[in-house]
């Protein structure tokens, strides 16, 4: 199903303003994309694995451009989770990032 009209969406600027509240951020990009740069404290759960992931409360879903996060938010919302899709993804992110490896 498509729940796009029911799932809240915020911009990366709005998400950056929430960082001090330590929100649960789920990054659904592939491992190598996540390692190249992600939001501090984000959890990497690639889109292909999201259906098996159990959220702990409200989660903000991000990817590279916004397409995969919309799919992931749809799947998680359908299972009864409280999710917010991040419009524009990491391509729009201007805040701090962490790189690995």
Protein backbone atom coordinates (compact mmCIF):
# COMPACT_ATOMS: atom_id res chain seq x y z
CA UNK A 1 0.00 0.00 0.00
CA UNK A 2 0.99 3.61 -0.33
CA UNK A 3 0.67 5.73 2.82
CA UNK A 4 2.56 8.78 1.53
CA UNK A 5 -0.33 11.12 2.35
CA UNK A 6 -0.43 9.87 5.95
CA UNK A 7 3.30 9.82 6.75
CA UNK A 8 4.72 13.13 8.01
CA UNK A 9 7.65 14.55 6.07
CA UNK A 10 10.22 17.09 7.24
CA UNK A 11 13.22 18.72 5.60
CA UNK A 12 16.83 18.02 6.48
CA UNK A 13 17.00 21.52 8.02
CA UNK A 14 14.12 20.60 10.34
CA UNK A 15 15.84 17.33 11.23
CA UNK A 16 19.10 19.14 11.99
CA UNK A 17 17.22 21.36 14.46
CA UNK A 18 16.08 18.18 16.28
CA UNK A 19 19.58 16.70 16.72
CA UNK A 20 19.92 18.06 20.26
CA UNK A 21 16.91 15.89 21.22
CA UNK A 22 18.81 12.77 20.04
CA UNK A 23 16.09 11.50 17.69
CA UNK A 24 16.13 7.92 16.40
CA UNK A 25 17.43 8.30 12.83
CA UNK A 26 17.35 5.27 10.54
CA UNK A 27 19.52 5.56 7.42
CA UNK A 28 18.31 3.06 4.81
CA UNK A 29 21.21 3.43 2.39
CA UNK A 30 23.59 0.55 1.71
CA UNK A 31 26.50 -0.04 4.12
CA UNK A 32 29.11 1.53 1.83
CA UNK A 33 26.98 4.67 1.34
CA UNK A 34 26.48 4.99 5.10
CA UNK A 35 30.24 4.62 5.72
CA UNK A 36 30.98 7.47 3.28
CA UNK A 37 29.08 9.92 5.51
CA UNK A 38 26.06 9.82 7.78
CA UNK A 39 24.31 11.83 10.45
CA UNK A 40 25.85 11.36 13.93
CA UNK A 41 24.08 8.60 15.91
CA UNK A 42 22.12 7.41 12.85
CA UNK A 43 21.53 3.66 12.64
CA UNK A 44 22.19 1.94 9.30
CA UNK A 45 19.44 -0.46 8.26
CA UNK A 46 19.59 -0.93 4.47
CA UNK A 47 16.19 -0.84 2.73
CA UNK A 48 16.41 -4.57 1.96
CA UNK A 49 16.58 -5.31 5.70
CA UNK A 50 14.06 -2.75 6.99
CA UNK A 51 11.11 -5.14 7.00
CA UNK A 52 12.84 -7.21 9.71
CA UNK A 53 13.88 -4.24 11.86
CA UNK A 54 12.02 -3.44 15.08
CA UNK A 55 11.78 0.26 15.86
CA UNK A 56 11.93 1.60 19.39
CA UNK A 57 9.55 4.58 19.29
CA UNK A 58 9.39 7.39 16.76
CA UNK A 59 11.94 7.20 13.96
CA UNK A 60 13.16 9.58 11.29
CA UNK A 61 13.94 7.78 8.02
CA UNK A 62 16.61 9.06 5.61
CA UNK A 63 18.41 7.82 2.49
CA UNK A 64 20.43 9.43 -0.30
CA UNK A 65 17.70 11.40 -2.11
CA UNK A 66 14.37 10.54 -0.50
CA UNK A 67 13.09 7.65 -2.62
CA UNK A 68 14.27 4.73 -0.49
CA UNK A 69 13.32 6.50 2.73
CA UNK A 70 9.76 6.94 1.41
CA UNK A 71 9.59 3.19 0.66
CA UNK A 72 11.01 2.31 4.07
CA UNK A 73 8.67 4.72 5.87
CA UNK A 74 5.75 3.16 4.00
CA UNK A 75 6.75 -0.36 5.12
CA UNK A 76 7.34 0.68 8.73
CA UNK A 77 4.14 2.74 8.91
CA UNK A 78 2.13 -0.20 7.57
CA UNK A 79 3.42 -2.23 10.55
CA UNK A 80 2.10 0.43 12.95
CA UNK A 81 5.30 2.40 13.57
CA UNK A 82 5.54 6.15 14.18
CA UNK A 83 7.79 7.34 11.34
CA UNK A 84 8.79 10.62 9.71
CA UNK A 85 10.24 10.67 6.19
CA UNK A 86 13.13 13.07 5.54
CA UNK A 87 12.59 14.97 2.31
CA UNK A 88 15.66 15.37 0.09
CA UNK A 89 17.81 12.81 1.90
CA UNK A 90 21.54 13.11 2.48
CA UNK A 91 21.92 15.07 -0.78
CA UNK A 92 20.15 17.94 1.03
CA UNK A 93 21.83 17.44 4.42
CA UNK A 94 23.95 20.43 5.49
CA UNK A 95 24.55 19.36 9.09
CA UNK A 96 27.38 17.39 10.70
CA UNK A 97 28.38 14.02 9.28
CA UNK A 98 30.46 11.08 10.43
CA UNK A 99 32.56 8.95 8.08
CA UNK A 100 33.83 5.45 8.74
CA UNK A 101 36.82 3.55 7.61
